[in-house]
N, C-alpha and C. Protein backbone atom coordinates (compact mmCIF):
# COMPACT_ATOMS: atom_id res chain seq x y z
N MET A 1 -3.42 0.71 -16.76
CA MET A 1 -2.47 0.87 -15.67
C MET A 1 -1.19 1.48 -16.23
N ALA A 2 -0.77 2.58 -15.62
CA ALA A 2 0.49 3.21 -16.03
C ALA A 2 1.65 2.51 -15.34
N LEU A 3 2.73 2.32 -16.07
CA LEU A 3 3.96 1.78 -15.51
C LEU A 3 4.90 2.94 -15.25
N ILE A 4 5.28 3.12 -14.00
CA ILE A 4 6.17 4.20 -13.61
C ILE A 4 7.48 3.55 -13.16
N LYS A 5 8.58 3.91 -13.84
CA LYS A 5 9.87 3.25 -13.59
C LYS A 5 10.92 4.25 -13.14
N ASN A 6 11.77 3.77 -12.24
CA ASN A 6 13.01 4.47 -11.88
C ASN A 6 12.79 5.93 -11.47
N GLN A 7 11.72 6.19 -10.75
CA GLN A 7 11.43 7.55 -10.30
C GLN A 7 11.70 7.66 -8.80
N THR A 8 12.06 8.86 -8.37
CA THR A 8 12.20 9.16 -6.96
C THR A 8 11.18 10.23 -6.60
N PHE A 9 10.38 9.94 -5.59
CA PHE A 9 9.37 10.87 -5.09
C PHE A 9 9.80 11.27 -3.68
N THR A 10 9.85 12.57 -3.42
CA THR A 10 10.32 13.05 -2.12
C THR A 10 9.36 14.11 -1.57
N ASP A 11 8.93 13.92 -0.31
CA ASP A 11 8.12 14.91 0.41
C ASP A 11 6.90 15.37 -0.39
N GLU A 12 6.18 14.43 -0.97
CA GLU A 12 5.00 14.80 -1.77
C GLU A 12 3.94 13.71 -1.70
N PRO A 13 2.69 14.10 -1.96
CA PRO A 13 1.66 13.07 -2.10
C PRO A 13 1.80 12.39 -3.47
N VAL A 14 1.61 11.08 -3.50
CA VAL A 14 1.70 10.33 -4.75
C VAL A 14 0.42 9.53 -4.90
N GLU A 15 -0.36 9.85 -5.93
CA GLU A 15 -1.59 9.10 -6.20
C GLU A 15 -1.20 7.78 -6.86
N ILE A 16 -1.59 6.70 -6.21
CA ILE A 16 -1.11 5.39 -6.66
C ILE A 16 -2.18 4.56 -7.38
N ASP A 17 -3.43 5.00 -7.36
CA ASP A 17 -4.52 4.22 -7.98
C ASP A 17 -4.19 3.83 -9.41
N GLY A 18 -4.30 2.52 -9.69
CA GLY A 18 -4.17 2.02 -11.05
C GLY A 18 -2.77 2.07 -11.63
N ASN A 19 -1.77 2.36 -10.80
CA ASN A 19 -0.40 2.46 -11.32
C ASN A 19 0.45 1.30 -10.83
N SER A 20 1.45 0.99 -11.63
CA SER A 20 2.43 -0.03 -11.29
C SER A 20 3.78 0.68 -11.19
N PHE A 21 4.44 0.52 -10.05
CA PHE A 21 5.72 1.19 -9.81
C PHE A 21 6.83 0.16 -9.82
N PHE A 22 7.88 0.44 -10.59
CA PHE A 22 9.03 -0.45 -10.69
C PHE A 22 10.30 0.32 -10.38
N ASN A 23 11.06 -0.19 -9.42
CA ASN A 23 12.36 0.39 -9.06
C ASN A 23 12.25 1.88 -8.71
N CYS A 24 11.22 2.24 -7.96
CA CYS A 24 11.02 3.62 -7.55
C CYS A 24 11.40 3.80 -6.09
N LYS A 25 11.69 5.05 -5.73
CA LYS A 25 11.99 5.40 -4.34
C LYS A 25 10.93 6.39 -3.86
N PHE A 26 10.42 6.14 -2.66
CA PHE A 26 9.43 6.99 -2.04
C PHE A 26 10.01 7.47 -0.72
N ILE A 27 10.39 8.73 -0.66
CA ILE A 27 11.06 9.29 0.51
C ILE A 27 10.12 10.27 1.20
N ARG A 28 9.69 9.93 2.41
CA ARG A 28 8.77 10.77 3.20
C ARG A 28 7.54 11.18 2.40
N CYS A 29 7.02 10.26 1.59
CA CYS A 29 5.84 10.55 0.77
C CYS A 29 4.58 10.03 1.43
N THR A 30 3.47 10.60 1.03
CA THR A 30 2.17 10.07 1.39
C THR A 30 1.60 9.38 0.16
N LEU A 31 1.42 8.07 0.26
CA LEU A 31 0.83 7.31 -0.84
C LEU A 31 -0.68 7.42 -0.70
N VAL A 32 -1.33 7.96 -1.72
CA VAL A 32 -2.76 8.24 -1.68
C VAL A 32 -3.49 7.21 -2.53
N TYR A 33 -4.37 6.46 -1.89
CA TYR A 33 -5.16 5.45 -2.60
C TYR A 33 -6.64 5.74 -2.40
N SER A 34 -7.37 5.80 -3.51
CA SER A 34 -8.80 6.12 -3.47
C SER A 34 -9.69 4.95 -3.87
N GLY A 35 -9.10 3.79 -4.10
CA GLY A 35 -9.88 2.62 -4.48
C GLY A 35 -10.18 2.56 -5.96
N GLY A 36 -9.39 3.26 -6.77
CA GLY A 36 -9.68 3.37 -8.19
C GLY A 36 -8.97 2.38 -9.09
N GLY A 37 -8.37 1.36 -8.57
CA GLY A 37 -7.73 0.37 -9.43
C GLY A 37 -6.58 -0.30 -8.72
N SER A 38 -6.17 -1.42 -9.27
CA SER A 38 -5.07 -2.19 -8.69
C SER A 38 -3.78 -1.39 -8.76
N THR A 39 -2.96 -1.57 -7.74
CA THR A 39 -1.67 -0.89 -7.66
C THR A 39 -0.62 -1.94 -7.33
N SER A 40 0.56 -1.80 -7.91
CA SER A 40 1.63 -2.73 -7.57
C SER A 40 2.95 -1.99 -7.41
N PHE A 41 3.81 -2.60 -6.58
CA PHE A 41 5.14 -2.07 -6.32
C PHE A 41 6.11 -3.23 -6.52
N ASP A 42 7.11 -3.06 -7.38
CA ASP A 42 8.10 -4.09 -7.61
C ASP A 42 9.48 -3.47 -7.49
N THR A 43 10.27 -4.00 -6.59
CA THR A 43 11.63 -3.55 -6.36
C THR A 43 11.67 -2.06 -6.01
N CYS A 44 10.76 -1.63 -5.15
CA CYS A 44 10.70 -0.24 -4.71
C CYS A 44 11.26 -0.10 -3.30
N VAL A 45 11.68 1.11 -2.97
CA VAL A 45 12.22 1.42 -1.66
C VAL A 45 11.33 2.49 -1.03
N PHE A 46 10.97 2.28 0.24
CA PHE A 46 10.13 3.21 0.99
C PHE A 46 10.91 3.69 2.21
N ASP A 47 11.02 5.00 2.36
CA ASP A 47 11.70 5.58 3.50
C ASP A 47 10.72 6.54 4.19
N ASP A 48 10.25 6.15 5.37
CA ASP A 48 9.30 6.94 6.17
C ASP A 48 8.01 7.25 5.40
N PRO A 49 7.36 6.21 4.85
CA PRO A 49 6.14 6.43 4.07
C PRO A 49 4.92 6.64 4.96
N LYS A 50 3.91 7.27 4.38
CA LYS A 50 2.60 7.41 5.02
C LYS A 50 1.55 6.96 4.00
N LEU A 51 0.40 6.54 4.51
CA LEU A 51 -0.70 6.13 3.64
C LEU A 51 -1.91 7.02 3.89
N SER A 52 -2.61 7.33 2.82
CA SER A 52 -3.87 8.07 2.92
C SER A 52 -4.90 7.34 2.07
N PHE A 53 -6.04 7.03 2.66
CA PHE A 53 -7.12 6.34 1.96
C PHE A 53 -8.28 7.30 1.81
N LEU A 54 -8.64 7.61 0.57
CA LEU A 54 -9.72 8.56 0.29
C LEU A 54 -10.85 7.87 -0.45
N GLY A 55 -11.98 8.55 -0.54
CA GLY A 55 -13.11 8.06 -1.33
C GLY A 55 -13.52 6.65 -0.93
N PRO A 56 -13.78 5.80 -1.95
CA PRO A 56 -14.22 4.44 -1.67
C PRO A 56 -13.25 3.65 -0.78
N ALA A 57 -11.96 3.86 -0.95
CA ALA A 57 -10.98 3.14 -0.12
C ALA A 57 -11.12 3.56 1.34
N GLY A 58 -11.27 4.85 1.59
CA GLY A 58 -11.47 5.34 2.94
C GLY A 58 -12.77 4.85 3.54
N ASN A 59 -13.81 4.81 2.71
CA ASN A 59 -15.10 4.31 3.18
C ASN A 59 -15.02 2.84 3.57
N THR A 60 -14.28 2.06 2.79
CA THR A 60 -14.12 0.64 3.10
C THR A 60 -13.41 0.45 4.43
N LEU A 61 -12.35 1.21 4.66
CA LEU A 61 -11.63 1.10 5.94
C LEU A 61 -12.51 1.52 7.11
N ALA A 62 -13.30 2.58 6.93
CA ALA A 62 -14.20 3.01 7.99
C ALA A 62 -15.24 1.93 8.29
N PHE A 63 -15.73 1.27 7.24
CA PHE A 63 -16.70 0.19 7.41
C PHE A 63 -16.08 -0.98 8.17
N MET A 64 -14.86 -1.35 7.78
CA MET A 64 -14.18 -2.45 8.47
C MET A 64 -13.90 -2.09 9.93
N GLU A 65 -13.55 -0.85 10.18
CA GLU A 65 -13.32 -0.42 11.55
C GLU A 65 -14.61 -0.54 12.38
N SER A 66 -15.74 -0.18 11.79
CA SER A 66 -17.00 -0.29 12.52
C SER A 66 -17.35 -1.76 12.79
N LEU A 67 -16.97 -2.66 11.88
CA LEU A 67 -17.23 -4.08 12.09
C LEU A 67 -16.40 -4.67 13.22
N MET A 68 -15.29 -4.01 13.56
CA MET A 68 -14.44 -4.49 14.65
C MET A 68 -15.17 -4.45 16.00
N LYS A 69 -16.26 -3.72 16.07
CA LYS A 69 -17.03 -3.59 17.32
C LYS A 69 -18.25 -4.51 17.32
N THR A 70 -18.25 -5.48 16.43
CA THR A 70 -19.39 -6.39 16.27
C THR A 70 -18.88 -7.83 16.28
N PRO A 71 -19.79 -8.79 16.18
CA PRO A 71 -19.36 -10.19 16.07
C PRO A 71 -18.53 -10.49 14.81
N PHE A 72 -18.49 -9.54 13.85
CA PHE A 72 -17.69 -9.75 12.64
C PHE A 72 -16.20 -9.50 12.88
N ARG A 73 -15.83 -9.13 14.10
CA ARG A 73 -14.43 -8.84 14.42
C ARG A 73 -13.50 -9.99 14.00
N THR A 74 -13.89 -11.21 14.30
CA THR A 74 -13.06 -12.37 13.95
C THR A 74 -12.84 -12.45 12.45
N MET A 75 -13.86 -12.16 11.67
CA MET A 75 -13.74 -12.21 10.22
C MET A 75 -12.75 -11.14 9.72
N ILE A 76 -12.83 -9.95 10.29
CA ILE A 76 -11.92 -8.87 9.89
C ILE A 76 -10.48 -9.24 10.28
N GLU A 77 -10.29 -9.75 11.48
CA GLU A 77 -8.95 -10.15 11.90
C GLU A 77 -8.39 -11.25 11.00
N LYS A 78 -9.22 -12.20 10.61
CA LYS A 78 -8.78 -13.27 9.71
C LYS A 78 -8.40 -12.70 8.34
N THR A 79 -9.15 -11.71 7.88
CA THR A 79 -8.83 -11.06 6.61
C THR A 79 -7.43 -10.46 6.67
N PHE A 80 -7.11 -9.76 7.75
CA PHE A 80 -5.78 -9.17 7.89
C PHE A 80 -4.70 -10.24 8.04
N GLU A 81 -4.99 -11.33 8.73
CA GLU A 81 -4.02 -12.43 8.83
C GLU A 81 -3.70 -12.98 7.44
N ASN A 82 -4.73 -13.16 6.62
CA ASN A 82 -4.52 -13.67 5.26
C ASN A 82 -3.71 -12.68 4.42
N MET A 83 -3.97 -11.39 4.60
CA MET A 83 -3.22 -10.38 3.87
C MET A 83 -1.75 -10.39 4.29
N ARG A 84 -1.49 -10.50 5.60
CA ARG A 84 -0.11 -10.54 6.08
C ARG A 84 0.61 -11.75 5.52
N ALA A 85 -0.03 -12.90 5.51
CA ALA A 85 0.60 -14.12 4.99
C ALA A 85 0.93 -13.97 3.51
N ALA A 86 0.02 -13.39 2.75
CA ALA A 86 0.25 -13.21 1.32
C ALA A 86 1.35 -12.20 1.07
N SER A 87 1.42 -11.13 1.88
CA SER A 87 2.44 -10.10 1.63
C SER A 87 3.83 -10.62 1.94
N VAL A 88 3.97 -11.51 2.91
CA VAL A 88 5.28 -12.08 3.21
C VAL A 88 5.75 -12.94 2.04
N GLU A 89 4.83 -13.67 1.43
CA GLU A 89 5.18 -14.55 0.32
C GLU A 89 5.47 -13.79 -0.96
N ASN A 90 4.80 -12.64 -1.17
CA ASN A 90 4.87 -11.95 -2.45
C ASN A 90 5.47 -10.56 -2.37
N ALA A 91 6.20 -10.23 -1.33
CA ALA A 91 6.72 -8.87 -1.17
C ALA A 91 7.68 -8.52 -2.30
N GLY A 92 7.40 -7.41 -2.96
CA GLY A 92 8.28 -6.89 -3.99
C GLY A 92 8.74 -5.50 -3.63
N PHE A 93 8.76 -5.16 -2.36
CA PHE A 93 9.13 -3.83 -1.94
C PHE A 93 9.80 -3.90 -0.59
N ALA A 94 10.42 -2.78 -0.21
CA ALA A 94 11.13 -2.73 1.08
C ALA A 94 10.72 -1.47 1.83
N LEU A 95 10.75 -1.54 3.14
CA LEU A 95 10.47 -0.39 3.99
C LEU A 95 11.73 0.04 4.70
N GLY A 96 11.74 1.29 5.13
CA GLY A 96 12.83 1.79 5.96
C GLY A 96 14.10 2.14 5.22
N GLY A 97 13.97 2.46 3.92
CA GLY A 97 15.14 2.90 3.18
C GLY A 97 16.09 1.78 2.78
N THR A 98 15.61 0.57 2.75
CA THR A 98 16.46 -0.56 2.35
C THR A 98 15.99 -1.07 0.99
N ASP A 99 16.76 -1.93 0.42
CA ASP A 99 16.34 -2.56 -0.84
C ASP A 99 16.14 -4.06 -0.64
N ALA A 100 15.74 -4.44 0.57
CA ALA A 100 15.57 -5.86 0.90
C ALA A 100 14.52 -6.55 0.04
N GLY A 101 13.64 -5.80 -0.58
CA GLY A 101 12.59 -6.41 -1.37
C GLY A 101 12.97 -6.70 -2.81
N LYS A 102 14.20 -6.41 -3.19
CA LYS A 102 14.60 -6.67 -4.57
C LYS A 102 14.52 -8.15 -4.88
N GLN A 103 14.01 -8.44 -6.06
CA GLN A 103 13.85 -9.84 -6.47
C GLN A 103 14.77 -10.14 -7.62
């Protein structure tokens, strides 16, 4: 895992697979995740970010979307509830151009 520190990314795609970002700024960037490794953000600022899921990550989201039309819908919704609860407890980043996530 590469550690990327104190960088500002503006108006560009940023491949995030397997990287750890510390004190970085993402301004109008598209964060690209392909499912190739854990990614972390610590004390980062996001201003108008977008997400793109490619390869295995995109396939996983498409699979989960298809499950939403089946009896597995409750399981998928519970998965997202658990993710939301964990992100509130462990947030190390901020959205909307603020630094509210600083620890």
